[in-house]
mmCIF file of all heavy atoms, coordinates in Angstrom:
data_MODEL
# 
_entry.id   MODEL 
# 
loop_
_atom_site.group_PDB 
_atom_site.id 
_atom_site.type_symbol 
_atom_site.label_atom_id 
_atom_site.label_alt_id 
_atom_site.label_comp_id 
_atom_site.label_asym_id 
_atom_site.label_entity_id 
_atom_site.label_seq_id 
_atom_site.pdbx_PDB_ins_code 
_atom_site.Cartn_x 
_atom_site.Cartn_y 
_atom_site.Cartn_z 
_atom_site.occupancy 
_atom_site.B_iso_or_equiv 
_atom_site.pdbx_formal_charge 
_atom_site.auth_seq_id 
_atom_site.auth_comp_id 
_atom_site.auth_asym_id 
_atom_site.auth_atom_id 
_atom_site.pdbx_PDB_model_num 
ATOM 1   N N   . LYS A 1 1  ? -11.165 -48.517 -57.138 1.00 0.00 ? 1  LYS A N   1 
ATOM 2   C CA  . LYS A 1 1  ? -12.166 -47.564 -57.615 1.00 0.00 ? 1  LYS A CA  1 
ATOM 3   C C   . LYS A 1 1  ? -11.748 -46.116 -57.404 1.00 0.00 ? 1  LYS A C   1 
ATOM 4   O O   . LYS A 1 1  ? -12.366 -45.201 -57.942 1.00 0.00 ? 1  LYS A O   1 
ATOM 5   C CB  . LYS A 1 1  ? -13.502 -47.806 -56.906 1.00 0.00 ? 1  LYS A CB  1 
ATOM 6   C CG  . LYS A 1 1  ? -14.127 -49.155 -57.215 1.00 0.00 ? 1  LYS A CG  1 
ATOM 7   C CD  . LYS A 1 1  ? -15.428 -49.326 -56.440 1.00 0.00 ? 1  LYS A CD  1 
ATOM 8   C CE  . LYS A 1 1  ? -16.052 -50.690 -56.706 1.00 0.00 ? 1  LYS A CE  1 
ATOM 9   N NZ  . LYS A 1 1  ? -17.283 -50.894 -55.909 1.00 0.00 ? 1  LYS A NZ  1 
ATOM 10  N N   . ALA A 1 2  ? -10.732 -45.893 -56.625 1.00 0.00 ? 2  ALA A N   1 
ATOM 11  C CA  . ALA A 1 2  ? -10.372 -44.528 -56.237 1.00 0.00 ? 2  ALA A CA  1 
ATOM 12  C C   . ALA A 1 2  ? -10.011 -43.649 -57.432 1.00 0.00 ? 2  ALA A C   1 
ATOM 13  O O   . ALA A 1 2  ? -10.281 -42.444 -57.435 1.00 0.00 ? 2  ALA A O   1 
ATOM 14  C CB  . ALA A 1 2  ? -9.211  -44.557 -55.256 1.00 0.00 ? 2  ALA A CB  1 
ATOM 15  N N   . TYR A 1 3  ? -9.424  -44.245 -58.461 1.00 0.00 ? 3  TYR A N   1 
ATOM 16  C CA  . TYR A 1 3  ? -8.971  -43.454 -59.607 1.00 0.00 ? 3  TYR A CA  1 
ATOM 17  C C   . TYR A 1 3  ? -10.137 -42.965 -60.453 1.00 0.00 ? 3  TYR A C   1 
ATOM 18  O O   . TYR A 1 3  ? -9.984  -42.074 -61.273 1.00 0.00 ? 3  TYR A O   1 
ATOM 19  C CB  . TYR A 1 3  ? -8.016  -44.295 -60.459 1.00 0.00 ? 3  TYR A CB  1 
ATOM 20  C CG  . TYR A 1 3  ? -6.782  -44.720 -59.714 1.00 0.00 ? 3  TYR A CG  1 
ATOM 21  C CD1 . TYR A 1 3  ? -6.619  -46.042 -59.292 1.00 0.00 ? 3  TYR A CD1 1 
ATOM 22  C CD2 . TYR A 1 3  ? -5.776  -43.802 -59.400 1.00 0.00 ? 3  TYR A CD2 1 
ATOM 23  C CE1 . TYR A 1 3  ? -5.487  -46.439 -58.588 1.00 0.00 ? 3  TYR A CE1 1 
ATOM 24  C CE2 . TYR A 1 3  ? -4.645  -44.182 -58.702 1.00 0.00 ? 3  TYR A CE2 1 
ATOM 25  C CZ  . TYR A 1 3  ? -4.509  -45.504 -58.298 1.00 0.00 ? 3  TYR A CZ  1 
ATOM 26  O OH  . TYR A 1 3  ? -3.394  -45.883 -57.597 1.00 0.00 ? 3  TYR A OH  1 
ATOM 27  N N   . HIS A 1 4  ? -11.306 -43.550 -60.268 1.00 0.00 ? 4  HIS A N   1 
ATOM 28  C CA  . HIS A 1 4  ? -12.467 -43.171 -61.074 1.00 0.00 ? 4  HIS A CA  1 
ATOM 29  C C   . HIS A 1 4  ? -13.389 -42.198 -60.350 1.00 0.00 ? 4  HIS A C   1 
ATOM 30  O O   . HIS A 1 4  ? -14.389 -41.771 -60.901 1.00 0.00 ? 4  HIS A O   1 
ATOM 31  C CB  . HIS A 1 4  ? -13.267 -44.420 -61.461 1.00 0.00 ? 4  HIS A CB  1 
ATOM 32  C CG  . HIS A 1 4  ? -12.433 -45.505 -62.061 1.00 0.00 ? 4  HIS A CG  1 
ATOM 33  N ND1 . HIS A 1 4  ? -11.832 -45.394 -63.301 1.00 0.00 ? 4  HIS A ND1 1 
ATOM 34  C CD2 . HIS A 1 4  ? -12.074 -46.729 -61.592 1.00 0.00 ? 4  HIS A CD2 1 
ATOM 35  C CE1 . HIS A 1 4  ? -11.152 -46.493 -63.560 1.00 0.00 ? 4  HIS A CE1 1 
ATOM 36  N NE2 . HIS A 1 4  ? -11.279 -47.322 -62.543 1.00 0.00 ? 4  HIS A NE2 1 
ATOM 37  N N   . LYS A 1 5  ? -13.055 -41.853 -59.105 1.00 0.00 ? 5  LYS A N   1 
ATOM 38  C CA  . LYS A 1 5  ? -13.973 -41.029 -58.325 1.00 0.00 ? 5  LYS A CA  1 
ATOM 39  C C   . LYS A 1 5  ? -13.243 -39.858 -57.686 1.00 0.00 ? 5  LYS A C   1 
ATOM 40  O O   . LYS A 1 5  ? -12.087 -39.975 -57.264 1.00 0.00 ? 5  LYS A O   1 
ATOM 41  C CB  . LYS A 1 5  ? -14.639 -41.864 -57.212 1.00 0.00 ? 5  LYS A CB  1 
ATOM 42  C CG  . LYS A 1 5  ? -15.550 -42.967 -57.742 1.00 0.00 ? 5  LYS A CG  1 
ATOM 43  C CD  . LYS A 1 5  ? -16.242 -43.683 -56.589 1.00 0.00 ? 5  LYS A CD  1 
ATOM 44  C CE  . LYS A 1 5  ? -17.188 -44.761 -57.094 1.00 0.00 ? 5  LYS A CE  1 
ATOM 45  N NZ  . LYS A 1 5  ? -17.875 -45.459 -55.987 1.00 0.00 ? 5  LYS A NZ  1 
ATOM 46  N N   . ALA A 1 6  ? -13.924 -38.743 -57.631 1.00 0.00 ? 6  ALA A N   1 
ATOM 47  C CA  . ALA A 1 6  ? -13.416 -37.570 -56.906 1.00 0.00 ? 6  ALA A CA  1 
ATOM 48  C C   . ALA A 1 6  ? -14.454 -37.215 -55.848 1.00 0.00 ? 6  ALA A C   1 
ATOM 49  O O   . ALA A 1 6  ? -15.640 -37.086 -56.148 1.00 0.00 ? 6  ALA A O   1 
ATOM 50  C CB  . ALA A 1 6  ? -13.210 -36.407 -57.864 1.00 0.00 ? 6  ALA A CB  1 
ATOM 51  N N   . PHE A 1 7  ? -14.031 -37.089 -54.616 1.00 0.00 ? 7  PHE A N   1 
ATOM 52  C CA  . PHE A 1 7  ? -14.957 -36.867 -53.511 1.00 0.00 ? 7  PHE A CA  1 
ATOM 53  C C   . PHE A 1 7  ? -14.834 -35.439 -53.004 1.00 0.00 ? 7  PHE A C   1 
ATOM 54  O O   . PHE A 1 7  ? -13.791 -35.040 -52.481 1.00 0.00 ? 7  PHE A O   1 
ATOM 55  C CB  . PHE A 1 7  ? -14.673 -37.852 -52.372 1.00 0.00 ? 7  PHE A CB  1 
ATOM 56  C CG  . PHE A 1 7  ? -14.869 -39.289 -52.762 1.00 0.00 ? 7  PHE A CG  1 
ATOM 57  C CD1 . PHE A 1 7  ? -13.783 -40.061 -53.156 1.00 0.00 ? 7  PHE A CD1 1 
ATOM 58  C CD2 . PHE A 1 7  ? -16.128 -39.854 -52.762 1.00 0.00 ? 7  PHE A CD2 1 
ATOM 59  C CE1 . PHE A 1 7  ? -13.952 -41.380 -53.532 1.00 0.00 ? 7  PHE A CE1 1 
ATOM 60  C CE2 . PHE A 1 7  ? -16.315 -41.174 -53.126 1.00 0.00 ? 7  PHE A CE2 1 
ATOM 61  C CZ  . PHE A 1 7  ? -15.224 -41.938 -53.516 1.00 0.00 ? 7  PHE A CZ  1 
ATOM 62  N N   . SER A 1 8  ? -15.908 -34.675 -53.168 1.00 0.00 ? 8  SER A N   1 
ATOM 63  C CA  . SER A 1 8  ? -15.930 -33.304 -52.653 1.00 0.00 ? 8  SER A CA  1 
ATOM 64  C C   . SER A 1 8  ? -16.292 -33.324 -51.172 1.00 0.00 ? 8  SER A C   1 
ATOM 65  O O   . SER A 1 8  ? -16.689 -34.356 -50.622 1.00 0.00 ? 8  SER A O   1 
ATOM 66  C CB  . SER A 1 8  ? -16.960 -32.479 -53.427 1.00 0.00 ? 8  SER A CB  1 
ATOM 67  O OG  . SER A 1 8  ? -18.274 -32.960 -53.160 1.00 0.00 ? 8  SER A OG  1 
ATOM 68  N N   . VAL A 1 9  ? -16.170 -32.167 -50.534 1.00 0.00 ? 9  VAL A N   1 
ATOM 69  C CA  . VAL A 1 9  ? -16.553 -32.048 -49.124 1.00 0.00 ? 9  VAL A CA  1 
ATOM 70  C C   . VAL A 1 9  ? -18.034 -32.372 -48.958 1.00 0.00 ? 9  VAL A C   1 
ATOM 71  O O   . VAL A 1 9  ? -18.442 -33.047 -48.008 1.00 0.00 ? 9  VAL A O   1 
ATOM 72  C CB  . VAL A 1 9  ? -16.236 -30.628 -48.602 1.00 0.00 ? 9  VAL A CB  1 
ATOM 73  C CG1 . VAL A 1 9  ? -16.795 -30.431 -47.198 1.00 0.00 ? 9  VAL A CG1 1 
ATOM 74  C CG2 . VAL A 1 9  ? -14.726 -30.396 -48.605 1.00 0.00 ? 9  VAL A CG2 1 
ATOM 75  N N   . SER A 1 10 ? -18.841 -31.917 -49.904 1.00 0.00 ? 10 SER A N   1 
ATOM 76  C CA  . SER A 1 10 ? -20.276 -32.204 -49.856 1.00 0.00 ? 10 SER A CA  1 
ATOM 77  C C   . SER A 1 10 ? -20.547 -33.704 -49.978 1.00 0.00 ? 10 SER A C   1 
ATOM 78  O O   . SER A 1 10 ? -21.402 -34.253 -49.268 1.00 0.00 ? 10 SER A O   1 
ATOM 79  C CB  . SER A 1 10 ? -20.986 -31.449 -50.986 1.00 0.00 ? 10 SER A CB  1 
ATOM 80  O OG  . SER A 1 10 ? -22.369 -31.739 -50.985 1.00 0.00 ? 10 SER A OG  1 
ATOM 81  N N   . ASP A 1 11 ? -19.806 -34.391 -50.846 1.00 0.00 ? 11 ASP A N   1 
ATOM 82  C CA  . ASP A 1 11 ? -19.993 -35.826 -51.054 1.00 0.00 ? 11 ASP A CA  1 
ATOM 83  C C   . ASP A 1 11 ? -19.712 -36.620 -49.782 1.00 0.00 ? 11 ASP A C   1 
ATOM 84  O O   . ASP A 1 11 ? -20.498 -37.491 -49.387 1.00 0.00 ? 11 ASP A O   1 
ATOM 85  C CB  . ASP A 1 11 ? -19.083 -36.340 -52.179 1.00 0.00 ? 11 ASP A CB  1 
ATOM 86  C CG  . ASP A 1 11 ? -19.490 -35.821 -53.540 1.00 0.00 ? 11 ASP A CG  1 
ATOM 87  O OD1 . ASP A 1 11 ? -20.669 -35.477 -53.707 1.00 0.00 ? 11 ASP A OD1 1 
ATOM 88  O OD2 . ASP A 1 11 ? -18.613 -35.752 -54.433 1.00 0.00 ? 11 ASP A OD2 1 
ATOM 89  N N   . ILE A 1 12 ? -18.582 -36.336 -49.154 1.00 0.00 ? 12 ILE A N   1 
ATOM 90  C CA  . ILE A 1 12 ? -18.208 -37.129 -47.975 1.00 0.00 ? 12 ILE A CA  1 
ATOM 91  C C   . ILE A 1 12 ? -19.091 -36.786 -46.779 1.00 0.00 ? 12 ILE A C   1 
ATOM 92  O O   . ILE A 1 12 ? -19.370 -37.643 -45.932 1.00 0.00 ? 12 ILE A O   1 
ATOM 93  C CB  . ILE A 1 12 ? -16.703 -36.973 -47.632 1.00 0.00 ? 12 ILE A CB  1 
ATOM 94  C CG1 . ILE A 1 12 ? -16.341 -35.516 -47.299 1.00 0.00 ? 12 ILE A CG1 1 
ATOM 95  C CG2 . ILE A 1 12 ? -15.830 -37.494 -48.762 1.00 0.00 ? 12 ILE A CG2 1 
ATOM 96  C CD1 . ILE A 1 12 ? -14.883 -35.342 -46.861 1.00 0.00 ? 12 ILE A CD1 1 
ATOM 97  N N   . THR A 1 13 ? -19.565 -35.532 -46.702 1.00 0.00 ? 13 THR A N   1 
ATOM 98  C CA  . THR A 1 13 ? -20.474 -35.153 -45.615 1.00 0.00 ? 13 THR A CA  1 
ATOM 99  C C   . THR A 1 13 ? -21.801 -35.888 -45.768 1.00 0.00 ? 13 THR A C   1 
ATOM 100 O O   . THR A 1 13 ? -22.333 -36.439 -44.793 1.00 0.00 ? 13 THR A O   1 
ATOM 101 C CB  . THR A 1 13 ? -20.715 -33.635 -45.618 1.00 0.00 ? 13 THR A CB  1 
ATOM 102 O OG1 . THR A 1 13 ? -19.456 -32.953 -45.534 1.00 0.00 ? 13 THR A OG1 1 
ATOM 103 C CG2 . THR A 1 13 ? -21.582 -33.227 -44.432 1.00 0.00 ? 13 THR A CG2 1 
ATOM 104 N N   . THR A 1 14 ? -22.325 -35.924 -46.985 1.00 0.00 ? 14 THR A N   1 
ATOM 105 C CA  . THR A 1 14 ? -23.577 -36.639 -47.249 1.00 0.00 ? 14 THR A CA  1 
ATOM 106 C C   . THR A 1 14 ? -23.425 -38.124 -46.947 1.00 0.00 ? 14 THR A C   1 
ATOM 107 O O   . THR A 1 14 ? -24.315 -38.745 -46.350 1.00 0.00 ? 14 THR A O   1 
ATOM 108 C CB  . THR A 1 14 ? -24.007 -36.456 -48.713 1.00 0.00 ? 14 THR A CB  1 
ATOM 109 O OG1 . THR A 1 14 ? -24.155 -35.060 -48.984 1.00 0.00 ? 14 THR A OG1 1 
ATOM 110 C CG2 . THR A 1 14 ? -25.313 -37.164 -49.007 1.00 0.00 ? 14 THR A CG2 1 
ATOM 111 N N   . ALA A 1 15 ? -22.279 -38.700 -47.329 1.00 0.00 ? 15 ALA A N   1 
ATOM 112 C CA  . ALA A 1 15 ? -22.046 -40.131 -47.122 1.00 0.00 ? 15 ALA A CA  1 
ATOM 113 C C   . ALA A 1 15 ? -22.060 -40.510 -45.648 1.00 0.00 ? 15 ALA A C   1 
ATOM 114 O O   . ALA A 1 15 ? -22.499 -41.602 -45.282 1.00 0.00 ? 15 ALA A O   1 
ATOM 115 C CB  . ALA A 1 15 ? -20.718 -40.534 -47.758 1.00 0.00 ? 15 ALA A CB  1 
ATOM 116 N N   . CYS A 1 16 ? -21.595 -39.607 -44.791 1.00 0.00 ? 16 CYS A N   1 
ATOM 117 C CA  . CYS A 1 16 ? -21.551 -39.896 -43.350 1.00 0.00 ? 16 CYS A CA  1 
ATOM 118 C C   . CYS A 1 16 ? -22.940 -40.103 -42.754 1.00 0.00 ? 16 CYS A C   1 
ATOM 119 O O   . CYS A 1 16 ? -23.086 -40.791 -41.743 1.00 0.00 ? 16 CYS A O   1 
ATOM 120 C CB  . CYS A 1 16 ? -20.839 -38.767 -42.606 1.00 0.00 ? 16 CYS A CB  1 
ATOM 121 S SG  . CYS A 1 16 ? -19.114 -39.129 -42.306 1.00 0.00 ? 16 CYS A SG  1 
ATOM 122 N N   . PHE A 1 17 ? -23.942 -39.497 -43.360 1.00 0.00 ? 17 PHE A N   1 
ATOM 123 C CA  . PHE A 1 17 ? -25.309 -39.629 -42.833 1.00 0.00 ? 17 PHE A CA  1 
ATOM 124 C C   . PHE A 1 17 ? -26.040 -40.826 -43.429 1.00 0.00 ? 17 PHE A C   1 
ATOM 125 O O   . PHE A 1 17 ? -27.203 -41.062 -43.099 1.00 0.00 ? 17 PHE A O   1 
ATOM 126 C CB  . PHE A 1 17 ? -26.091 -38.344 -43.101 1.00 0.00 ? 17 PHE A CB  1 
ATOM 127 C CG  . PHE A 1 17 ? -25.705 -37.208 -42.197 1.00 0.00 ? 17 PHE A CG  1 
ATOM 128 C CD1 . PHE A 1 17 ? -24.683 -36.348 -42.549 1.00 0.00 ? 17 PHE A CD1 1 
ATOM 129 C CD2 . PHE A 1 17 ? -26.349 -37.014 -40.984 1.00 0.00 ? 17 PHE A CD2 1 
ATOM 130 C CE1 . PHE A 1 17 ? -24.309 -35.305 -41.711 1.00 0.00 ? 17 PHE A CE1 1 
ATOM 131 C CE2 . PHE A 1 17 ? -25.996 -35.978 -40.136 1.00 0.00 ? 17 PHE A CE2 1 
ATOM 132 C CZ  . PHE A 1 17 ? -24.966 -35.117 -40.497 1.00 0.00 ? 17 PHE A CZ  1 
ATOM 133 N N   . GLU A 1 18 ? -25.372 -41.561 -44.301 1.00 0.00 ? 18 GLU A N   1 
ATOM 134 C CA  . GLU A 1 18 ? -26.003 -42.732 -44.897 1.00 0.00 ? 18 GLU A CA  1 
ATOM 135 C C   . GLU A 1 18 ? -25.778 -43.963 -44.027 1.00 0.00 ? 18 GLU A C   1 
ATOM 136 O O   . GLU A 1 18 ? -24.720 -44.135 -43.426 1.00 0.00 ? 18 GLU A O   1 
ATOM 137 C CB  . GLU A 1 18 ? -25.449 -42.967 -46.310 1.00 0.00 ? 18 GLU A CB  1 
ATOM 138 C CG  . GLU A 1 18 ? -25.832 -41.865 -47.293 1.00 0.00 ? 18 GLU A CG  1 
ATOM 139 C CD  . GLU A 1 18 ? -25.153 -42.029 -48.647 1.00 0.00 ? 18 GLU A CD  1 
ATOM 140 O OE1 . GLU A 1 18 ? -24.367 -42.997 -48.793 1.00 0.00 ? 18 GLU A OE1 1 
ATOM 141 O OE2 . GLU A 1 18 ? -25.395 -41.190 -49.524 1.00 0.00 ? 18 GLU A OE2 1 
ATOM 142 N N   . PHE A 1 19 ? -26.793 -44.796 -43.982 1.00 0.00 ? 19 PHE A N   1 
ATOM 143 C CA  . PHE A 1 19 ? -26.762 -45.994 -43.155 1.00 0.00 ? 19 PHE A CA  1 
ATOM 144 C C   . PHE A 1 19 ? -25.568 -46.884 -43.481 1.00 0.00 ? 19 PHE A C   1 
ATOM 145 O O   . PHE A 1 19 ? -24.964 -47.498 -42.606 1.00 0.00 ? 19 PHE A O   1 
ATOM 146 C CB  . PHE A 1 19 ? -28.082 -46.762 -43.359 1.00 0.00 ? 19 PHE A CB  1 
ATOM 147 C CG  . PHE A 1 19 ? -28.171 -48.050 -42.604 1.00 0.00 ? 19 PHE A CG  1 
ATOM 148 C CD1 . PHE A 1 19 ? -28.103 -48.068 -41.214 1.00 0.00 ? 19 PHE A CD1 1 
ATOM 149 C CD2 . PHE A 1 19 ? -28.323 -49.254 -43.272 1.00 0.00 ? 19 PHE A CD2 1 
ATOM 150 C CE1 . PHE A 1 19 ? -28.191 -49.255 -40.513 1.00 0.00 ? 19 PHE A CE1 1 
ATOM 151 C CE2 . PHE A 1 19 ? -28.412 -50.450 -42.582 1.00 0.00 ? 19 PHE A CE2 1 
ATOM 152 C CZ  . PHE A 1 19 ? -28.346 -50.444 -41.199 1.00 0.00 ? 19 PHE A CZ  1 
ATOM 153 N N   . SER A 1 20 ? -25.197 -46.926 -44.763 1.00 0.00 ? 20 SER A N   1 
ATOM 154 C CA  . SER A 1 20 ? -24.126 -47.830 -45.213 1.00 0.00 ? 20 SER A CA  1 
ATOM 155 C C   . SER A 1 20 ? -22.746 -47.419 -44.716 1.00 0.00 ? 20 SER A C   1 
ATOM 156 O O   . SER A 1 20 ? -21.800 -48.206 -44.783 1.00 0.00 ? 20 SER A O   1 
ATOM 157 C CB  . SER A 1 20 ? -24.109 -47.909 -46.750 1.00 0.00 ? 20 SER A CB  1 
ATOM 158 O OG  . SER A 1 20 ? -23.921 -46.618 -47.309 1.00 0.00 ? 20 SER A OG  1 
ATOM 159 N N   . ASN A 1 21 ? -22.592 -46.194 -44.225 1.00 0.00 ? 21 ASN A N   1 
ATOM 160 C CA  . ASN A 1 21 ? -21.293 -45.727 -43.730 1.00 0.00 ? 21 ASN A CA  1 
ATOM 161 C C   . ASN A 1 21 ? -21.215 -45.688 -42.214 1.00 0.00 ? 21 ASN A C   1 
ATOM 162 O O   . ASN A 1 21 ? -20.204 -45.281 -41.653 1.00 0.00 ? 21 ASN A O   1 
ATOM 163 C CB  . ASN A 1 21 ? -20.974 -44.332 -44.293 1.00 0.00 ? 21 ASN A CB  1 
ATOM 164 C CG  . ASN A 1 21 ? -20.506 -44.384 -45.731 1.00 0.00 ? 21 ASN A CG  1 
ATOM 165 O OD1 . ASN A 1 21 ? -21.233 -44.821 -46.611 1.00 0.00 ? 21 ASN A OD1 1 
ATOM 166 N ND2 . ASN A 1 21 ? -19.291 -43.948 -45.975 1.00 0.00 ? 21 ASN A ND2 1 
ATOM 167 N N   . GLN A 1 22 ? -22.290 -46.101 -41.536 1.00 0.00 ? 22 GLN A N   1 
ATOM 168 C CA  . GLN A 1 22 ? -22.295 -46.124 -40.074 1.00 0.00 ? 22 GLN A CA  1 
ATOM 169 C C   . GLN A 1 22 ? -21.539 -47.349 -39.583 1.00 0.00 ? 22 GLN A C   1 
ATOM 170 O O   . GLN A 1 22 ? -21.716 -48.448 -40.104 1.00 0.00 ? 22 GLN A O   1 
ATOM 171 C CB  . GLN A 1 22 ? -23.740 -46.192 -39.553 1.00 0.00 ? 22 GLN A CB  1 
ATOM 172 C CG  . GLN A 1 22 ? -24.610 -45.030 -39.978 1.00 0.00 ? 22 GLN A CG  1 
ATOM 173 C CD  . GLN A 1 22 ? -24.476 -43.835 -39.052 1.00 0.00 ? 22 GLN A CD  1 
ATOM 174 O OE1 . GLN A 1 22 ? -23.894 -43.930 -37.977 1.00 0.00 ? 22 GLN A OE1 1 
ATOM 175 N NE2 . GLN A 1 22 ? -25.028 -42.724 -39.461 1.00 0.00 ? 22 GLN A NE2 1 
ATOM 176 N N   . LEU A 1 23 ? -20.718 -47.179 -38.573 1.00 0.00 ? 23 LEU A N   1 
ATOM 177 C CA  . LEU A 1 23 ? -19.957 -48.292 -37.997 1.00 0.00 ? 23 LEU A CA  1 
ATOM 178 C C   . LEU A 1 23 ? -20.730 -49.004 -36.899 1.00 0.00 ? 23 LEU A C   1 
ATOM 179 O O   . LEU A 1 23 ? -20.175 -49.820 -36.156 1.00 0.00 ? 23 LEU A O   1 
ATOM 180 C CB  . LEU A 1 23 ? -18.604 -47.806 -37.465 1.00 0.00 ? 23 LEU A CB  1 
ATOM 181 C CG  . LEU A 1 23 ? -17.697 -47.068 -38.463 1.00 0.00 ? 23 LEU A CG  1 
ATOM 182 C CD1 . LEU A 1 23 ? -16.318 -46.850 -37.865 1.00 0.00 ? 23 LEU A CD1 1 
ATOM 183 C CD2 . LEU A 1 23 ? -17.586 -47.808 -39.783 1.00 0.00 ? 23 LEU A CD2 1 
ATOM 184 N N   . VAL A 1 24 ? -22.017 -48.682 -36.766 1.00 0.00 ? 24 VAL A N   1 
ATOM 185 C CA  . VAL A 1 24 ? -22.920 -49.365 -35.835 1.00 0.00 ? 24 VAL A CA  1 
ATOM 186 C C   . VAL A 1 24 ? -24.190 -49.714 -36.597 1.00 0.00 ? 24 VAL A C   1 
ATOM 187 O O   . VAL A 1 24 ? -24.680 -48.908 -37.394 1.00 0.00 ? 24 VAL A O   1 
ATOM 188 C CB  . VAL A 1 24 ? -23.279 -48.470 -34.622 1.00 0.00 ? 24 VAL A CB  1 
ATOM 189 C CG1 . VAL A 1 24 ? -24.182 -49.214 -33.650 1.00 0.00 ? 24 VAL A CG1 1 
ATOM 190 C CG2 . VAL A 1 24 ? -22.033 -48.016 -33.906 1.00 0.00 ? 24 VAL A CG2 1 
ATOM 191 N N   . LYS A 1 25 ? -24.725 -50.904 -36.363 1.00 0.00 ? 25 LYS A N   1 
ATOM 192 C CA  . LYS A 1 25 ? -25.937 -51.345 -37.054 1.00 0.00 ? 25 LYS A CA  1 
ATOM 193 C C   . LYS A 1 25 ? -27.174 -50.711 -36.420 1.00 0.00 ? 25 LYS A C   1 
ATOM 194 O O   . LYS A 1 25 ? -27.955 -51.367 -35.727 1.00 0.00 ? 25 LYS A O   1 
ATOM 195 C CB  . LYS A 1 25 ? -26.044 -52.874 -36.996 1.00 0.00 ? 25 LYS A CB  1 
ATOM 196 C CG  . LYS A 1 25 ? -25.252 -53.577 -38.081 1.00 0.00 ? 25 LYS A CG  1 
ATOM 197 C CD  . LYS A 1 25 ? -25.961 -53.478 -39.415 1.00 0.00 ? 25 LYS A CD  1 
ATOM 198 C CE  . LYS A 1 25 ? -25.203 -54.237 -40.494 1.00 0.00 ? 25 LYS A CE  1 
ATOM 199 N NZ  . LYS A 1 25 ? -25.845 -54.168 -41.787 1.00 0.00 ? 25 LYS A NZ  1 
ATOM 200 N N   . CYS A 1 26 ? -27.337 -49.425 -36.645 1.00 0.00 ? 26 CYS A N   1 
ATOM 201 C CA  . CYS A 1 26 ? -28.531 -48.696 -36.210 1.00 0.00 ? 26 CYS A CA  1 
ATOM 202 C C   . CYS A 1 26 ? -28.919 -47.756 -37.344 1.00 0.00 ? 26 CYS A C   1 
ATOM 203 O O   . CYS A 1 26 ? -28.050 -47.111 -37.929 1.00 0.00 ? 26 CYS A O   1 
ATOM 204 C CB  . CYS A 1 26 ? -28.262 -47.878 -34.953 1.00 0.00 ? 26 CYS A CB  1 
ATOM 205 S SG  . CYS A 1 26 ? -28.107 -48.860 -33.463 1.00 0.00 ? 26 CYS A SG  1 
# 
């Protein structure tokens, strides 16, 4: 999927606060 997506600084920062990107089930 990497070739179809471009990730800005804002995108990756927002993703870090999403439950689906947490490495702990909390």
